Amino acid sequence: MSSSLIQIRVDTSAKNLASQICEAMGLDLQTYLRMCIAKLNQEMKIPFDTALDEKTIVGIKATIALDNAAARAREYGYADMTLDEINEEIAAARREADARKEVETKTEPDAEKDT
């Protein structure tokens, strides 16, 4: 039996997500695509009805979110921060937000005095 090469272009994030879904089902992406073609030829229709459990879906989405966060951290130069530095950034942002709330609360007119 001879083989033919098929090449397709897809968005990198779509390919990565598809690969993770296939891996969660115990397949690689190439095997899945071969299965699709074989079933399409056998049944002359789109034949698949499969799904992952919710826990696996949440795990895949979390992985994607972490990958996106890591890419942003690299983009903004924060990729090499230690956990202590990250926690200090968070604490500083919280202090800043609390200070803004305190200023807003002090400058708001008292609703009871208006009556």
N, C-alpha and C. Protein backbone atom coordinates (compact mmCIF):
# COMPACT_ATOMS: atom_id res chain seq x y z
N MET A 1 0.85 -1.17 0.00
CA MET A 1 0.00 0.00 0.00
C MET A 1 0.90 1.24 0.00
N SER A 2 0.65 2.14 -0.90
CA SER A 2 1.45 3.37 -0.95
C SER A 2 0.85 4.43 -0.04
N SER A 3 1.68 5.37 0.34
CA SER A 3 1.26 6.45 1.24
C SER A 3 1.40 7.78 0.54
N SER A 4 0.56 8.72 0.96
CA SER A 4 0.64 10.09 0.45
C SER A 4 0.82 11.03 1.63
N LEU A 5 1.55 12.10 1.40
CA LEU A 5 1.77 13.10 2.42
C LEU A 5 0.69 14.17 2.30
N ILE A 6 0.08 14.51 3.43
CA ILE A 6 -0.89 15.60 3.50
C ILE A 6 -0.32 16.64 4.44
N GLN A 7 -0.27 17.88 3.97
CA GLN A 7 0.19 18.98 4.82
C GLN A 7 -0.94 19.99 4.97
N ILE A 8 -1.14 20.44 6.19
CA ILE A 8 -2.14 21.48 6.44
C ILE A 8 -1.52 22.55 7.33
N ARG A 9 -2.03 23.73 7.23
CA ARG A 9 -1.60 24.82 8.10
C ARG A 9 -2.75 25.15 9.05
N VAL A 10 -2.44 25.17 10.34
CA VAL A 10 -3.42 25.54 11.35
C VAL A 10 -2.72 26.46 12.34
N ASP A 11 -3.52 27.25 13.04
CA ASP A 11 -3.01 28.11 14.09
C ASP A 11 -2.28 27.26 15.13
N THR A 12 -1.15 27.74 15.60
CA THR A 12 -0.34 26.98 16.55
C THR A 12 -1.12 26.62 17.81
N SER A 13 -1.89 27.56 18.33
CA SER A 13 -2.64 27.26 19.56
C SER A 13 -3.71 26.20 19.30
N ALA A 14 -4.33 26.22 18.10
CA ALA A 14 -5.33 25.20 17.77
C ALA A 14 -4.67 23.83 17.66
N LYS A 15 -3.50 23.78 17.05
CA LYS A 15 -2.76 22.51 16.94
C LYS A 15 -2.37 21.99 18.32
N ASN A 16 -1.87 22.89 19.18
CA ASN A 16 -1.46 22.47 20.53
C ASN A 16 -2.64 21.94 21.33
N LEU A 17 -3.78 22.62 21.24
CA LEU A 17 -4.98 22.15 21.94
C LEU A 17 -5.42 20.79 21.41
N ALA A 18 -5.46 20.64 20.09
CA ALA A 18 -5.86 19.36 19.49
C ALA A 18 -4.91 18.25 19.92
N SER A 19 -3.61 18.54 19.97
CA SER A 19 -2.63 17.54 20.40
C SER A 19 -2.87 17.12 21.85
N GLN A 20 -3.17 18.11 22.71
CA GLN A 20 -3.42 17.80 24.13
C GLN A 20 -4.69 16.97 24.29
N ILE A 21 -5.72 17.28 23.53
CA ILE A 21 -6.96 16.51 23.59
C ILE A 21 -6.70 15.08 23.15
N CYS A 22 -5.99 14.91 22.04
CA CYS A 22 -5.68 13.56 21.55
C CYS A 22 -4.86 12.79 22.57
N GLU A 23 -3.85 13.44 23.15
CA GLU A 23 -3.02 12.77 24.15
C GLU A 23 -3.85 12.34 25.36
N ALA A 24 -4.83 13.15 25.74
CA ALA A 24 -5.70 12.79 26.86
C ALA A 24 -6.53 11.56 26.54
N MET A 25 -6.76 11.31 25.25
CA MET A 25 -7.51 10.13 24.81
C MET A 25 -6.60 8.97 24.45
N GLY A 26 -5.28 9.16 24.63
CA GLY A 26 -4.33 8.09 24.36
C GLY A 26 -3.89 8.00 22.91
N LEU A 27 -4.04 9.09 22.17
CA LEU A 27 -3.65 9.12 20.76
C LEU A 27 -2.66 10.24 20.52
N ASP A 28 -2.01 10.19 19.36
CA ASP A 28 -1.31 11.39 18.93
C ASP A 28 -2.13 12.01 17.80
N LEU A 29 -1.83 13.24 17.47
CA LEU A 29 -2.63 13.97 16.50
C LEU A 29 -2.62 13.30 15.12
N GLN A 30 -1.49 12.77 14.72
CA GLN A 30 -1.39 12.12 13.41
C GLN A 30 -2.30 10.89 13.33
N THR A 31 -2.33 10.10 14.41
CA THR A 31 -3.20 8.92 14.43
C THR A 31 -4.66 9.34 14.35
N TYR A 32 -5.02 10.37 15.09
CA TYR A 32 -6.40 10.87 15.04
C TYR A 32 -6.77 11.29 13.62
N LEU A 33 -5.89 12.02 12.96
CA LEU A 33 -6.20 12.49 11.61
C LEU A 33 -6.32 11.30 10.63
N ARG A 34 -5.50 10.28 10.80
CA ARG A 34 -5.64 9.08 9.96
C ARG A 34 -6.97 8.38 10.23
N MET A 35 -7.37 8.34 11.52
CA MET A 35 -8.67 7.74 11.87
C MET A 35 -9.81 8.52 11.21
N CYS A 36 -9.72 9.82 11.24
CA CYS A 36 -10.76 10.65 10.61
C CYS A 36 -10.91 10.33 9.13
N ILE A 37 -9.80 10.24 8.44
CA ILE A 37 -9.85 9.95 7.00
C ILE A 37 -10.41 8.56 6.75
N ALA A 38 -9.97 7.57 7.54
CA ALA A 38 -10.46 6.20 7.35
C ALA A 38 -11.96 6.12 7.58
N LYS A 39 -12.46 6.73 8.65
CA LYS A 39 -13.90 6.70 8.94
C LYS A 39 -14.70 7.48 7.91
N LEU A 40 -14.18 8.60 7.47
CA LEU A 40 -14.84 9.39 6.43
C LEU A 40 -15.01 8.55 5.17
N ASN A 41 -13.97 7.83 4.80
CA ASN A 41 -14.03 6.97 3.61
C ASN A 41 -14.99 5.80 3.80
N GLN A 42 -15.04 5.22 4.99
CA GLN A 42 -15.93 4.08 5.25
C GLN A 42 -17.39 4.49 5.28
N GLU A 43 -17.70 5.58 5.97
CA GLU A 43 -19.09 5.94 6.25
C GLU A 43 -19.64 7.05 5.35
N MET A 44 -18.75 7.69 4.61
CA MET A 44 -19.16 8.78 3.71
C MET A 44 -19.87 9.91 4.46
N LYS A 45 -19.47 10.14 5.70
CA LYS A 45 -20.00 11.23 6.52
C LYS A 45 -19.02 11.49 7.65
N ILE A 46 -19.22 12.59 8.35
CA ILE A 46 -18.41 12.88 9.53
C ILE A 46 -18.94 12.01 10.66
N PRO A 47 -18.19 11.01 11.10
CA PRO A 47 -18.75 9.96 11.96
C PRO A 47 -18.49 10.07 13.46
N PHE A 48 -17.72 11.03 13.91
CA PHE A 48 -17.26 10.98 15.28
C PHE A 48 -18.18 11.67 16.27
N ASP A 49 -18.35 11.04 17.40
CA ASP A 49 -19.08 11.61 18.52
C ASP A 49 -18.36 11.17 19.79
N THR A 50 -17.29 11.86 20.14
CA THR A 50 -16.53 11.53 21.34
C THR A 50 -16.36 12.78 22.17
N ALA A 51 -16.09 12.60 23.44
CA ALA A 51 -15.91 13.74 24.33
C ALA A 51 -15.00 13.37 25.49
N LEU A 52 -14.37 14.38 26.05
CA LEU A 52 -13.56 14.20 27.25
C LEU A 52 -14.42 14.49 28.48
N ASP A 53 -14.01 13.93 29.62
CA ASP A 53 -14.72 14.25 30.85
C ASP A 53 -14.34 15.67 31.29
N GLU A 54 -15.18 16.26 32.12
CA GLU A 54 -15.01 17.66 32.52
C GLU A 54 -13.67 17.91 33.21
N LYS A 55 -13.22 16.98 34.02
CA LYS A 55 -11.95 17.15 34.75
C LYS A 55 -10.78 17.28 33.76
N THR A 56 -10.78 16.47 32.72
CA THR A 56 -9.73 16.53 31.73
C THR A 56 -9.79 17.84 30.95
N ILE A 57 -11.00 18.28 30.61
CA ILE A 57 -11.16 19.54 29.89
C ILE A 57 -10.62 20.70 30.72
N VAL A 58 -10.95 20.72 32.02
CA VAL A 58 -10.47 21.78 32.90
C VAL A 58 -8.94 21.75 32.96
N GLY A 59 -8.36 20.56 33.03
CA GLY A 59 -6.91 20.43 33.06
C GLY A 59 -6.26 20.97 31.80
N ILE A 60 -6.85 20.67 30.65
CA ILE A 60 -6.30 21.17 29.39
C ILE A 60 -6.40 22.69 29.33
N LYS A 61 -7.56 23.23 29.73
CA LYS A 61 -7.73 24.69 29.73
C LYS A 61 -6.74 25.35 30.69
N ALA A 62 -6.49 24.72 31.84
CA ALA A 62 -5.53 25.28 32.79
C ALA A 62 -4.13 25.29 32.20
N THR A 63 -3.76 24.23 31.50
CA THR A 63 -2.46 24.17 30.86
C THR A 63 -2.31 25.28 29.82
N ILE A 64 -3.35 25.50 29.05
CA ILE A 64 -3.32 26.55 28.04
C ILE A 64 -3.18 27.91 28.72
N ALA A 65 -3.93 28.13 29.80
CA ALA A 65 -3.84 29.41 30.52
C ALA A 65 -2.43 29.63 31.07
N LEU A 66 -1.82 28.57 31.60
CA LEU A 66 -0.45 28.70 32.12
C LEU A 66 0.53 28.99 30.99
N ASP A 67 0.35 28.34 29.84
CA ASP A 67 1.21 28.60 28.69
C ASP A 67 1.08 30.05 28.24
N ASN A 68 -0.15 30.56 28.21
CA ASN A 68 -0.37 31.96 27.82
C ASN A 68 0.25 32.91 28.83
N ALA A 69 0.11 32.60 30.11
CA ALA A 69 0.69 33.44 31.15
C ALA A 69 2.22 33.44 31.06
N ALA A 70 2.80 32.29 30.79
CA ALA A 70 4.25 32.20 30.64
C ALA A 70 4.72 33.01 29.44
N ALA A 71 3.97 32.96 28.34
CA ALA A 71 4.34 33.74 27.16
C ALA A 71 4.29 35.23 27.46
N ARG A 72 3.26 35.66 28.19
CA ARG A 72 3.16 37.08 28.57
C ARG A 72 4.30 37.47 29.51
N ALA A 73 4.63 36.59 30.44
CA ALA A 73 5.72 36.88 31.37
C ALA A 73 7.03 37.06 30.60
N ARG A 74 7.27 36.21 29.60
CA ARG A 74 8.47 36.36 28.78
C ARG A 74 8.42 37.67 28.00
N GLU A 75 7.25 37.98 27.46
CA GLU A 75 7.07 39.19 26.66
C GLU A 75 7.37 40.45 27.47
N TYR A 76 6.94 40.48 28.73
CA TYR A 76 7.12 41.66 29.57
C TYR A 76 8.36 41.59 30.46
N GLY A 77 9.16 40.55 30.31
CA GLY A 77 10.40 40.46 31.06
C GLY A 77 10.26 39.98 32.49
N TYR A 78 9.17 39.28 32.81
CA TYR A 78 8.95 38.79 34.16
C TYR A 78 9.18 37.29 34.31
N ALA A 79 9.64 36.63 33.28
CA ALA A 79 9.74 35.17 33.29
C ALA A 79 10.73 34.64 34.32
N ASP A 80 11.72 35.45 34.69
CA ASP A 80 12.75 34.97 35.61
C ASP A 80 12.49 35.38 37.05
N MET A 81 11.28 35.88 37.36
CA MET A 81 10.98 36.28 38.73
C MET A 81 10.86 35.07 39.65
N THR A 82 11.33 35.24 40.88
CA THR A 82 11.17 34.17 41.87
C THR A 82 9.76 34.24 42.44
N LEU A 83 9.38 33.20 43.15
CA LEU A 83 8.07 33.17 43.79
C LEU A 83 7.94 34.32 44.79
N ASP A 84 9.01 34.60 45.54
CA ASP A 84 8.98 35.71 46.50
C ASP A 84 8.76 37.04 45.79
N GLU A 85 9.41 37.24 44.64
CA GLU A 85 9.23 38.48 43.89
C GLU A 85 7.79 38.59 43.36
N ILE A 86 7.25 37.49 42.89
CA ILE A 86 5.87 37.49 42.40
C ILE A 86 4.91 37.83 43.55
N ASN A 87 5.11 37.19 44.71
CA ASN A 87 4.25 37.46 45.86
C ASN A 87 4.36 38.92 46.31
N GLU A 88 5.55 39.50 46.25
CA GLU A 88 5.72 40.91 46.61
C GLU A 88 4.99 41.81 45.62
N GLU A 89 5.04 41.48 44.32
CA GLU A 89 4.29 42.25 43.31
C GLU A 89 2.79 42.20 43.61
N ILE A 90 2.30 41.03 43.96
CA ILE A 90 0.88 40.88 44.28
C ILE A 90 0.53 41.70 45.53
N ALA A 91 1.37 41.60 46.56
CA ALA A 91 1.12 42.34 47.79
C ALA A 91 1.14 43.85 47.53
N ALA A 92 2.05 44.32 46.70
CA ALA A 92 2.12 45.75 46.39
C ALA A 92 0.87 46.19 45.63
N ALA A 93 0.41 45.37 44.70
CA ALA A 93 -0.81 45.71 43.96
C ALA A 93 -2.02 45.75 44.89
N ARG A 94 -2.06 44.84 45.85
CA ARG A 94 -3.17 44.84 46.82
C ARG A 94 -3.11 46.08 47.71
N ARG A 95 -1.91 46.46 48.16
CA ARG A 95 -1.77 47.66 48.98
C ARG A 95 -2.23 48.89 48.20
N GLU A 96 -1.84 48.95 46.95
CA GLU A 96 -2.23 50.06 46.09
C GLU A 96 -3.75 50.12 45.92
N ALA A 97 -4.37 48.97 45.69
CA ALA A 97 -5.83 48.92 45.54
C ALA A 97 -6.52 49.33 46.84
N ASP A 98 -6.01 48.86 47.98
CA ASP A 98 -6.59 49.23 49.28
C ASP A 98 -6.47 50.73 49.52
N ALA A 99 -5.34 51.32 49.16
CA ALA A 99 -5.14 52.76 49.34
C ALA A 99 -6.12 53.54 48.48
N ARG A 100 -6.34 53.08 47.23
CA ARG A 100 -7.31 53.75 46.35
C ARG A 100 -8.72 53.67 46.94
N LYS A 101 -9.08 52.50 47.47
CA LYS A 101 -10.41 52.35 48.08
C LYS A 101 -10.57 53.28 49.27
N GLU A 102 -9.51 53.39 50.07
CA GLU A 102 -9.57 54.24 51.26
C GLU A 102 -9.77 55.71 50.85
N VAL A 103 -9.06 56.15 49.82
CA VAL A 103 -9.21 57.52 49.33
C VAL A 103 -10.61 57.74 48.79
N GLU A 104 -11.12 56.78 48.02
CA GLU A 104 -12.47 56.90 47.46
C GLU A 104 -13.52 56.96 48.56
N THR A 105 -13.35 56.16 49.60
CA THR A 105 -14.30 56.12 50.70
C THR A 105 -14.31 57.44 51.46
N LYS A 106 -13.14 58.05 51.66
CA LYS A 106 -13.04 59.31 52.39
C LYS A 106 -13.60 60.48 51.59
N THR A 107 -13.55 60.41 50.27
CA THR A 107 -14.01 61.53 49.44
C THR A 107 -15.47 61.43 49.03
N GLU A 108 -16.12 60.29 49.29
CA GLU A 108 -17.54 60.15 48.95
C GLU A 108 -18.39 60.92 49.94
N PRO A 109 -19.41 61.66 49.46
CA PRO A 109 -20.29 62.37 50.39
C PRO A 109 -21.09 61.37 51.20
N ASP A 110 -21.37 61.73 52.44
CA ASP A 110 -22.13 60.85 53.33
C ASP A 110 -23.60 60.95 52.96
N ALA A 111 -24.19 59.85 52.59
CA ALA A 111 -25.58 59.81 52.12
C ALA A 111 -26.55 60.23 53.23
N GLU A 112 -26.23 59.95 54.48
CA GLU A 112 -27.13 60.29 55.59
C GLU A 112 -27.20 61.78 55.84
N LYS A 113 -26.14 62.54 55.55
CA LYS A 113 -26.12 63.97 55.79
C LYS A 113 -27.02 64.71 54.80
N ASP A 114 -27.29 64.10 53.64
CA ASP A 114 -28.10 64.75 52.62
C ASP A 114 -29.58 64.75 52.98
N THR A 115 -30.03 63.94 53.90
CA THR A 115 -31.46 63.86 54.21
C THR A 115 -31.89 64.80 55.28
